[in-house]
Amino acid sequence: MRGQLRMFVARTHRLGDLVVLGTLTPAAAAFLDASVRAGLSIVVSGGTQAGKTTMLNCLSAAIPGRERVVSCEKVFELCHGPGRCFQRVQPAVRSAFYSEP
């Protein structure tokens, strides 16, 4: 049996939090925030444990509230801002990825 345990520290919610931690410069955070608000495409890539999910969660917090956000995830890890988190899995998809006892 093979499994994966992922633990997230819920201390970064916005790009400004990454500035406080020293991960981003204020200029980089402002550029990314403006890019998200303008609807530009952003690619986030990196190796295991590089902080991709943390960055995506912080980027998604910059998405204006009037925008609709849909994510397709096998394992639900992204939160698109307060009050915008939801999970929906079709039964056929659920049975393909999750075994029931």
Protein backbone atom coordinates (compact mmCIF):
# COMPACT_ATOMS: atom_id res chain seq x y z
CA MET A 1 0.00 0.00 0.00
CA ARG A 2 1.29 3.39 -0.94
CA GLY A 3 0.08 6.65 0.50
CA GLN A 4 0.94 10.26 0.86
CA LEU A 5 0.49 12.53 3.84
CA ARG A 6 0.44 16.24 3.10
CA MET A 7 0.37 18.76 5.88
CA PHE A 8 -0.13 22.46 5.28
CA VAL A 9 0.66 25.26 7.67
CA ALA A 10 -2.25 27.67 7.37
CA ARG A 11 -0.30 30.87 7.98
CA THR A 12 -0.15 32.23 4.44
CA HIS A 13 -3.38 33.36 2.85
CA ARG A 14 -2.37 36.35 0.75
CA LEU A 15 0.60 37.49 -1.30
CA GLY A 16 1.40 39.98 1.48
CA ASP A 17 1.95 37.06 3.83
CA LEU A 18 4.66 35.76 1.49
CA VAL A 19 6.33 39.18 1.63
CA VAL A 20 6.36 39.07 5.44
CA LEU A 21 7.94 35.61 5.31
CA GLY A 22 10.59 36.80 2.84
CA THR A 23 9.40 34.54 0.04
CA LEU A 24 8.46 37.45 -2.27
CA THR A 25 9.64 41.03 -2.54
CA PRO A 26 6.96 43.71 -2.22
CA ALA A 27 7.42 44.53 -5.92
CA ALA A 28 6.96 40.88 -6.95
CA ALA A 29 3.83 40.57 -4.80
CA ALA A 30 2.38 43.77 -6.28
CA PHE A 31 3.15 42.56 -9.82
CA LEU A 32 1.51 39.16 -9.20
CA ASP A 33 -1.50 40.79 -7.55
CA ALA A 34 -1.97 43.14 -10.52
CA SER A 35 -1.53 40.25 -12.95
CA VAL A 36 -4.23 38.18 -11.23
CA ARG A 37 -6.64 41.13 -11.07
CA ALA A 38 -6.03 41.81 -14.78
CA GLY A 39 -6.91 38.20 -15.61
CA LEU A 40 -3.48 37.31 -16.98
CA SER A 41 -2.29 33.72 -17.13
CA ILE A 42 0.28 32.67 -14.56
CA VAL A 43 2.16 29.37 -14.56
CA VAL A 44 3.28 28.01 -11.19
CA SER A 45 5.71 25.11 -11.35
CA GLY A 46 8.29 23.49 -9.13
CA GLY A 47 9.44 20.32 -7.51
CA THR A 48 7.91 18.45 -4.60
CA GLN A 49 7.47 20.61 -1.48
CA ALA A 50 8.49 23.76 -3.40
CA GLY A 51 5.43 25.72 -2.28
CA LYS A 52 3.26 25.51 -5.42
CA THR A 53 0.02 24.98 -3.49
CA THR A 54 0.86 27.77 -1.06
CA MET A 55 1.57 30.13 -3.96
CA LEU A 56 -1.63 29.13 -5.76
CA ASN A 57 -3.70 29.71 -2.62
CA CYS A 58 -2.13 33.16 -2.16
CA LEU A 59 -2.66 34.00 -5.84
CA SER A 60 -6.27 32.86 -5.71
CA ALA A 61 -6.92 35.23 -2.80
CA ALA A 62 -6.23 38.09 -5.25
CA ILE A 63 -8.99 36.97 -7.63
CA PRO A 64 -11.77 39.56 -7.51
CA GLY A 65 -14.90 38.36 -5.68
CA ARG A 66 -17.07 38.85 -8.76
CA GLU A 67 -15.11 36.20 -10.66
CA ARG A 68 -16.20 32.58 -10.78
CA VAL A 69 -13.50 30.09 -9.84
CA VAL A 70 -13.60 26.44 -10.84
CA SER A 71 -10.79 24.04 -10.03
CA CYS A 72 -10.48 20.39 -10.94
CA GLU A 73 -8.44 18.57 -8.36
CA LYS A 74 -7.92 14.93 -7.58
CA VAL A 75 -7.09 15.85 -3.99
CA PHE A 76 -8.70 19.08 -2.79
CA GLU A 77 -5.93 21.41 -1.65
CA LEU A 78 -6.81 24.82 -3.06
CA CYS A 79 -8.92 27.39 -1.29
CA HIS A 80 -10.07 30.30 -3.41
CA GLY A 81 -10.54 32.85 -0.65
CA PRO A 82 -12.94 33.10 2.27
CA GLY A 83 -16.39 31.78 1.45
CA ARG A 84 -15.30 30.55 -1.96
CA CYS A 85 -14.10 27.05 -1.08
CA PHE A 86 -16.22 24.19 -2.27
CA GLN A 87 -15.70 20.61 -3.26
CA ARG A 88 -17.69 18.71 -5.82
CA VAL A 89 -16.82 15.32 -7.19
CA GLN A 90 -19.01 13.43 -9.61
CA PRO A 91 -19.78 9.84 -8.48
CA ALA A 92 -17.96 8.36 -11.49
CA VAL A 93 -14.84 10.38 -10.70
CA ARG A 94 -15.07 9.55 -7.03
CA SER A 95 -15.14 5.80 -7.71
CA ALA A 96 -12.16 6.10 -10.05
CA PHE A 97 -9.96 7.72 -7.41
CA TYR A 98 -11.33 6.56 -4.09
CA SER A 99 -11.94 3.02 -3.00
CA GLU A 100 -14.76 2.47 -0.58
CA PRO A 101 -14.57 -0.24 2.11
